[in-house]
Structures are given as structure tokens and as C-alpha cells.
Protein backbone atom coordinates (compact mmCIF):
# COMPACT_ATOMS: atom_id res chain seq x y z
CA MET A 1 99.42 154.01 39.10
CA THR A 2 98.20 150.45 38.56
CA ILE A 3 97.10 148.07 41.27
CA VAL A 4 98.13 144.54 40.33
CA ALA A 5 96.38 141.76 42.25
CA ALA A 6 95.70 138.05 41.83
CA ALA A 7 92.24 136.66 42.62
CA ASP A 8 91.51 132.99 43.21
CA GLY A 9 88.96 130.57 44.65
CA SER A 10 89.05 127.07 46.10
CA ALA A 11 86.49 124.40 47.00
CA LEU A 12 87.23 121.13 48.77
CA GLY A 13 85.05 118.64 46.92
CA ASN A 14 83.55 121.28 44.61
CA PRO A 15 80.98 121.78 45.99
CA GLY A 16 82.21 121.68 49.56
CA PRO A 17 83.95 123.99 52.02
CA ALA A 18 85.00 126.93 49.85
CA GLY A 19 87.38 129.87 50.07
CA TRP A 20 88.36 132.96 48.13
CA ALA A 21 91.27 135.38 48.24
CA TRP A 22 92.89 138.28 46.44
CA TYR A 23 96.54 139.19 46.91
CA VAL A 24 98.72 142.22 46.16
CA ASP A 25 101.55 141.58 48.62
CA GLU A 26 102.11 140.33 52.17
CA ASN A 27 100.72 143.57 53.61
CA CYS A 28 97.74 143.78 51.27
CA TRP A 29 95.46 140.76 50.83
CA ARG A 30 92.10 139.49 51.98
CA ALA A 31 90.32 136.12 52.20
CA GLY A 32 87.04 134.54 53.23
CA GLY A 33 84.71 131.73 52.29
CA TRP A 34 81.69 129.57 53.09
CA PRO A 35 81.05 126.15 54.66
CA HIS A 36 79.57 125.06 51.31
CA GLY A 37 80.32 126.48 47.87
CA THR A 38 82.02 125.92 44.52
CA ASN A 39 85.28 126.96 42.87
CA ASN A 40 83.37 129.37 40.63
CA MET A 41 81.70 131.02 43.61
CA GLY A 42 85.11 131.51 45.20
CA GLU A 43 86.66 132.90 42.02
CA LEU A 44 83.80 135.38 41.56
CA MET A 45 83.80 136.43 45.21
CA ALA A 46 87.55 137.12 45.12
CA VAL A 47 87.08 139.46 42.15
CA LEU A 48 84.04 141.14 43.74
CA ASP A 49 85.80 141.77 47.03
CA LEU A 50 88.86 143.14 45.21
CA PHE A 51 86.70 145.70 43.42
CA LYS A 52 84.97 146.65 46.68
CA SER A 53 88.25 146.85 48.58
CA THR A 54 89.71 149.26 46.00
CA ALA A 55 86.56 151.35 45.52
CA HIS A 56 88.18 154.26 47.38
CA ARG A 57 90.94 154.36 44.73
CA PRO A 58 88.81 154.72 41.54
CA GLU A 59 91.46 156.76 39.76
CA GLU A 60 93.91 153.84 39.75
CA ARG A 61 93.81 151.12 37.12
CA LEU A 62 93.07 147.65 38.48
CA HIS A 63 94.98 144.81 36.79
CA ILE A 64 93.50 141.46 37.86
CA LEU A 65 95.44 138.22 37.44
CA CYS A 66 92.99 135.33 37.22
CA ASP A 67 93.33 131.65 36.32
CA SER A 68 89.59 131.19 35.71
CA GLN A 69 88.44 131.71 32.14
CA TYR A 70 84.86 131.32 33.41
CA VAL A 71 85.25 134.45 35.55
CA ILE A 72 87.08 136.46 32.88
CA ASN A 73 84.49 135.65 30.23
CA SER A 74 81.58 136.18 32.60
CA VAL A 75 82.73 139.70 33.48
CA THR A 76 84.15 140.84 30.14
CA LYS A 77 81.91 139.14 27.56
CA TRP A 78 78.82 137.32 28.79
CA MET A 79 77.29 139.73 31.32
CA PRO A 80 75.99 142.28 28.75
CA GLY A 81 74.02 139.53 26.97
CA TRP A 82 72.71 138.11 30.26
CA LYS A 83 71.53 141.55 31.35
CA ARG A 84 69.69 142.13 28.06
CA LYS A 85 67.83 138.87 28.65
CA GLY A 86 66.97 139.72 32.26
CA TRP A 87 69.92 137.74 33.64
CA LYS A 88 68.72 134.61 31.86
CA LYS A 89 70.59 132.16 29.65
CA SER A 90 69.47 131.49 26.11
CA ASP A 91 67.27 128.63 27.38
CA GLY A 92 65.43 131.05 29.67
CA LYS A 93 66.89 129.62 32.88
CA PRO A 94 68.59 131.88 35.46
CA VAL A 95 72.31 132.45 35.21
CA LEU A 96 74.32 130.56 37.83
CA ASN A 97 75.88 132.57 40.67
CA LEU A 98 73.47 135.39 39.84
CA ASP A 99 73.83 137.42 43.05
CA LEU A 100 77.61 137.51 42.80
CA LEU A 101 77.49 138.49 39.13
CA LYS A 102 75.00 141.30 39.79
CA GLU A 103 77.22 142.66 42.54
CA ILE A 104 80.26 142.53 40.27
CA ASP A 105 78.30 144.31 37.54
CA ALA A 106 77.54 147.14 39.98
CA ALA A 107 81.07 147.23 41.39
CA ILE A 108 82.83 147.61 38.03
CA ALA A 109 80.73 150.61 36.92
CA GLY A 110 83.07 153.51 36.22
CA ARG A 111 86.20 151.53 37.08
CA ASN A 112 89.35 151.28 34.96
CA TYR A 113 90.31 147.61 34.95
CA GLU A 114 91.65 144.74 32.88
CA PHE A 115 91.96 141.00 33.36
CA GLU A 116 94.98 138.87 32.55
CA TRP A 117 94.65 135.11 32.38
CA VAL A 118 97.45 133.25 34.15
CA LYS A 119 97.99 129.53 34.29
CA GLY A 120 97.09 128.12 37.69
CA HIS A 121 99.51 126.02 39.73
CA ALA A 122 102.38 127.09 37.47
CA GLY A 123 104.56 128.99 39.94
CA HIS A 124 103.17 132.48 39.28
CA GLU A 125 104.02 134.29 42.52
CA LEU A 126 100.85 136.33 42.99
CA ASN A 127 98.54 133.56 41.75
CA GLU A 128 100.14 131.02 44.07
CA ALA A 129 99.80 133.41 47.02
CA ALA A 130 96.09 133.97 46.32
CA ASP A 131 95.54 130.24 45.77
CA ASP A 132 97.23 129.37 49.08
CA ARG A 133 95.03 131.81 51.00
CA ALA A 134 91.83 130.69 49.27
CA ARG A 135 92.64 127.06 50.02
CA ASP A 136 93.49 127.93 53.62
CA ALA A 137 90.10 129.61 53.99
CA ALA A 138 88.32 126.55 52.57
CA THR A 139 90.30 124.31 54.91
CA ALA A 140 89.33 126.52 57.85
CA TYR A 141 85.64 126.14 57.05
CA GLN A 142 86.12 122.40 56.67
CA ALA A 143 87.54 122.40 60.21
CA LYS A 144 84.65 124.62 61.38
CA ARG A 145 86.84 127.55 62.35
CA ALA A 146 87.11 131.11 61.11
CA PRO A 147 89.74 131.67 58.41
CA HIS A 148 92.47 134.31 58.57
CA ALA A 149 90.88 137.23 56.72
CA GLY A 150 94.16 139.09 56.08
CA PRO A 151 95.09 142.77 56.51
CA GLY A 152 92.82 143.97 53.70
CA PHE A 153 93.49 146.92 51.42
CA PRO A 154 94.90 150.08 53.03
CA GLY A 155 92.17 152.63 53.58
CA ALA A 156 89.34 150.34 52.44
CA VAL A 157 85.93 150.89 54.00
CA LEU A 158 83.88 147.71 53.78
CA ASP A 159 80.69 146.32 55.24
CA THR A 160 81.17 144.20 58.34
CA GLU A 161 79.88 141.20 56.42
CA VAL A 162 80.24 139.90 52.89
CA ALA A 163 76.83 138.90 51.59
CA GLU A 164 76.57 135.23 50.81
CA PRO A 165 75.21 134.21 47.41
CA ALA A 166 71.48 133.53 47.59
CA ALA A 167 71.92 130.75 45.03
CA LYS A 168 73.48 128.56 47.75
CA PRO A 169 70.89 128.49 50.57
CA ALA A 170 72.84 125.90 52.53
CA ALA A 171 75.86 128.17 52.76
CA ALA A 172 76.62 130.09 55.91
CA LYS A 173 78.08 133.60 56.07
CA PRO A 174 81.79 134.01 55.38
CA ALA A 175 84.44 135.65 57.50
CA THR A 176 83.42 139.05 58.86
CA ALA A 177 86.79 140.78 59.24
CA VAL A 178 87.25 144.00 57.27
CA GLY A 179 90.26 145.59 55.62
CA SER A 180 92.88 147.50 57.54
CA ALA A 181 92.54 151.28 57.79
CA THR A 182 96.29 151.93 57.59
CA GLN A 183 97.35 154.61 55.11
CA ASN A 184 100.59 152.96 53.99
CA SER A 185 99.70 153.33 50.34
CA SER A 186 102.97 151.83 49.11
CA ALA A 187 101.61 148.40 49.99
CA ALA A 188 98.66 148.86 47.68
CA VAL A 189 100.62 149.02 44.43
CA SER A 190 102.51 145.94 43.38
CA PRO A 191 105.99 146.32 41.89
CA ALA A 192 104.66 144.17 39.05
CA ALA A 193 102.66 147.20 37.88
CA THR A 194 105.62 148.28 35.77
CA ALA A 195 106.04 144.87 34.15
CA PRO A 196 104.86 144.29 30.56
CA VAL A 197 101.17 143.44 30.38
CA LYS A 198 100.39 140.18 28.63
CA THR A 199 97.47 139.80 26.29
CA VAL A 200 94.32 138.65 28.06
CA LEU A 201 93.54 135.11 26.91
CA LEU A 202 89.81 134.53 26.58
CA LEU A 203 87.53 131.87 25.14
CA ASP A 204 86.21 132.34 21.63
CA GLU A 205 83.84 135.25 20.99
CA LEU A 206 80.64 133.44 21.85
CA GLU A 207 78.00 133.75 24.52
CA GLN A 208 78.44 131.32 27.40
CA PRO A 209 77.77 127.79 26.15
CA ASP A 210 74.13 126.84 26.73
CA LEU A 211 74.85 123.91 29.02
CA PHE A 212 71.35 122.93 30.11
CA SER A 213 68.94 123.65 27.26
CA LEU A 214 69.03 120.05 26.00
CA LEU A 215 68.45 118.44 29.38
CA ASP A 216 65.08 116.95 30.32
CA ASP A 217 64.24 118.36 33.75
CA ASP A 218 62.07 115.32 34.58
CA ALA A 219 64.35 112.64 33.17
CA ASP A 220 66.10 111.79 36.41
CA PRO A 221 63.95 112.31 39.55
CA ALA A 222 66.54 110.62 41.77
CA PHE A 223 68.97 113.39 40.89
CA ASP A 224 66.61 116.29 41.65
CA ASN A 225 67.64 117.08 45.24
CA HIS A 226 71.24 117.80 44.23
CA ARG A 227 70.70 118.41 40.51
CA ASP A 228 71.98 121.97 40.24
CA ALA A 229 75.16 121.35 42.22
CA ALA A 230 75.92 118.11 40.39
CA LEU A 231 75.29 119.65 36.99
CA GLU A 232 77.47 122.62 37.74
CA THR A 233 80.29 120.52 39.14
CA VAL A 234 80.47 117.70 36.60
CA VAL A 235 80.00 119.92 33.56
CA GLU A 236 82.50 122.51 34.79
CA LEU A 237 85.10 119.81 35.50
CA GLU A 238 84.58 118.30 32.04
CA ARG A 239 84.96 121.74 30.49
CA GLU A 240 88.11 122.23 32.52
CA LEU A 241 89.59 119.09 30.95
CA LEU A 242 88.91 120.57 27.50
CA ASP A 243 90.81 123.74 28.39
CA PRO A 244 94.24 123.75 26.64
CA ALA A 245 95.82 125.46 29.66
CA VAL A 246 94.57 122.72 31.99
CA ARG A 247 95.58 119.92 29.63
CA ALA A 248 99.11 121.34 29.67
CA ASP A 249 99.16 121.14 33.48
CA PRO A 250 99.89 117.50 34.45
CA LEU A 251 99.27 118.19 38.14
CA ARG A 252 95.74 119.45 37.56
CA VAL A 253 94.93 116.75 35.02
CA GLY A 254 96.19 114.17 37.49
CA GLU A 255 93.78 115.54 40.09
CA LEU A 256 90.84 115.23 37.69
CA LEU A 257 91.54 111.72 36.38
CA HIS A 258 90.58 108.67 38.44
CA PRO A 259 93.51 106.33 39.28
CA GLN A 260 91.84 103.65 37.11
CA PHE A 261 90.92 106.05 34.30
CA GLU A 262 90.76 104.74 30.75
CA GLU A 263 89.64 106.23 27.45
CA ILE A 264 88.43 104.81 24.16
CA GLY A 265 89.54 107.43 21.63
CA VAL A 266 87.84 108.52 18.42
CA SER A 267 90.29 106.29 16.56
CA GLY A 268 89.14 103.25 18.55
CA ARG A 269 92.37 103.06 20.53
CA ARG A 270 92.24 102.32 24.26
CA TRP A 271 94.29 104.79 26.34
CA SER A 272 95.51 104.32 29.90
CA ARG A 273 95.76 107.13 32.44
CA ALA A 274 99.54 107.34 32.03
CA GLU A 275 99.24 107.48 28.23
CA ILE A 276 96.67 110.26 28.40
CA LEU A 277 98.85 112.31 30.73
CA GLU A 278 101.77 111.92 28.33
CA MET A 279 99.63 112.74 25.30
CA PHE A 280 98.23 115.88 26.91
CA SER A 281 101.74 117.15 27.65
CA ASP A 282 102.70 116.90 23.97
CA GLU A 283 99.47 117.80 22.16
CA GLU A 284 98.86 121.01 20.23
CA ALA A 285 96.59 123.43 22.09
CA VAL A 286 93.09 123.41 20.55
CA ALA A 287 90.11 125.30 21.96
CA ARG A 288 86.98 123.13 22.24
CA GLU A 289 83.39 124.10 22.91
CA LEU A 290 81.26 121.77 25.06
CA GLN A 291 77.56 121.27 24.29
CA VAL A 292 75.75 119.14 26.87
CA LEU A 293 73.43 116.44 25.49
CA SER A 294 72.48 114.63 28.71
CA LEU A 295 73.55 114.08 32.30
CA ALA A 296 72.26 111.18 34.39
CA GLN A 297 72.95 109.76 37.82
CA LEU A 298 73.97 106.10 37.65
CA ASP A 299 74.22 105.69 41.42
CA ALA A 300 74.83 107.88 44.47
CA GLU A 301 78.45 108.55 43.50
CA THR A 302 78.46 108.18 39.71
CA ALA A 303 77.27 110.45 36.90
CA LEU A 304 77.20 109.92 33.12
CA LEU A 305 77.72 113.02 30.97
CA SER A 306 77.14 112.95 27.20
CA TYR A 307 78.10 115.94 25.11
CA ARG A 308 79.31 117.24 21.78
CA SER A 309 82.77 118.80 21.56
CA VAL A 310 83.34 121.33 18.79
CA SER A 311 86.75 122.53 17.61
CA PRO A 312 88.21 123.95 14.38
CA LYS A 313 89.02 120.35 13.42
CA GLY A 314 85.38 119.24 13.63
CA SER A 315 82.98 117.82 16.18
CA ALA A 316 82.79 114.61 18.18
CA LEU A 317 80.17 112.93 20.36
CA ARG A 318 81.57 112.06 23.76
CA SER A 319 80.52 110.36 26.98
CA SER A 320 82.23 110.55 30.36
CA ILE A 321 81.65 108.62 33.57
CA TRP A 322 82.49 110.65 36.67
CA GLN A 323 82.85 109.03 40.09
CA ARG A 324 82.92 110.85 43.41
CA GLN A 325 85.54 109.70 45.91
CA ASP A 326 85.87 111.39 49.30
CA GLY A 327 83.70 114.21 48.00
CA GLN A 328 85.83 114.80 44.87
CA TRP A 329 84.50 114.10 41.36
CA ARG A 330 87.08 112.35 39.15
CA LEU A 331 86.82 111.10 35.57
CA ARG A 332 86.70 107.28 35.52
CA HIS A 333 86.01 106.55 31.82
CA HIS A 334 85.77 108.57 28.61
CA GLN A 335 84.83 107.63 25.07
CA GLY A 336 84.58 109.72 21.91
CA THR A 337 83.35 109.20 18.36
CA THR A 338 83.89 111.54 15.44
CA GLU A 339 80.61 113.09 14.29
CA VAL A 340 79.81 112.84 10.59
């Protein structure tokens, strides 16, 4: 038998009130969150809790539907290299979300599992259900109330609390409800288990891009108090805009682009927000690697990111101005120049 479940995370403001959820069906799902966290924390926590919630069924294959390439690559490709380096990146700095990743590494030992990438916000039934519950959990923490934790996995035996990641000291503990002890095992296996399995779509066969090795830690003292969160958020959002799956999703791109967004392209042409949205919908999917060159705070709500994008067609030097409105970072201006 195969357990098919979607796992998803949500953060309002990213970072901000955050939630996570996994979903098999209406009788088998679980959610939680934190008052302060990131999308990546939520995505990782959903996968971790799914492994823990199914630990009593080790003989069954676990098929995880996930819209986060960061999570899929972290678990399936990057973790072995991080472990060999003592959970450090190639620049010697600690891996982000370390506690969650270590717990996942322990939870997957001896398990039979596979990941399938699915496009987010594209009508996939299980993904949408997990996304709704993760967002509801984040909204609950925003309103300072406990989220609905869900019925859990039948027969699961869990701790009364889910440990919060130590990397986020400001975060409080998530929901404490545990899974249901009912033995109705039919709810644990999705009918989708008999459907054809799609190929897992991953990033290219490289270690996680070394995002911070070129940054000067003392270059921007005014940014120090919130440096880690800002770096993680702005760089991850920029990388998201380079993702072919995201660029093909006009709703998500619209969320990331500022209403007054404009771009000066590598050809020298000036693009409006509407033109970029139309171009993205028609462009050929091309995977791009992001190499951070610098990140500076221009004012309390504005950050300037400079980076190199690398694709099979060549490389370009790029700069992006991100502005934060109502706690949400959005891309205000972008410019690129072909590198020779």
C-alpha cells in the first residue's frame, strides 16, 4: 500500500505568522504553526510531521506531494553533503533551518518514500487542501488563537508538542494537539495511490547554491538585527521568481511583483508589470541558478539584491529592489545585463 499525502507551508509576510499542514483526506490531516516563521520552515515542518505521523506504518510507501523545490532538494540531494561538512554550507556557515533538517534526517531513516513536485495554486486537490490548512494555521497565529490541528493520522503516537526550530528564537511553540487514535485504516491510504506516479521534478544536480559566501558580514551594520531573516526572505523570493513553475503561475507572480513594478531588460527595453506577466506566460521554461553578489538595506522597508543568474543560455548580472508593504516583500524594480 502507498500513503499519498500533500505537505505545504504558509507564512503571512514571510517571515511572519506561519503555518504548516499535511493532508491525505478529510479524515486524515494535521496542521500547526508558529507566531513567527517562514514559508520554508512551514514546508519542512509539514514533511517532518508527516514522517512522524506515519512512523507506525513503516512498511507502507510514503508518496509526498510537495510544491517546494527547496524542500525536495534539501531532503533528496543536499542533506548528504551538508552532513559530511558538519551541517555547514560550502562557505562554512550553518545550514538554515538546521533543527528541522536534522529531525527530518532522523525521521526518514529506514523509510520507503518518494517526493513528487506539484505546481502550487494550480488546482491540485491534495495540494490545495494542504495549502488551505497551512494558511488557516498561519491566520490563526496572526489572530493570536490556536489553529485547528486536524484529526491526525489514524493510530499515530506523537509527542504532546512539536519542537519549535531553535533557529527562530522569537517563535513560540506550535499547536499541541496530537493525532487521532482511531483504527480506521482506510482513511490513511489515499485513492490516488493507484494513480500513475509522475517523475519527480528537481533542480539541477548541484549542491544548494552558496547564497551568502560573497556577502560582507560587516558591510551593512544597520541591517544586522534582522539580517538573517531579510537575507532568507529576499533571496528566496528572488529565487522563486526564477523558478519556471512559478513564472508560469500568473497568480503567484502577481503576488510577488509590486503594483508599480518595472524592469530594464538585458536588451535595454523597459518592461511594465503587465508586459512582464504576459511575457512570463508565454516564455520557454529555463532553469536558472542564482548566485548572490550583495544585499544591502536602502531604508527600513527596502532592500537591494545584486546577483548573477546562470542558465544554459549564459549568465547575466542582475539587480532587484524589493520593497516591503504591510509586511510583504514585493519586487519594485529589476534590471539585468548580459555578462561577457
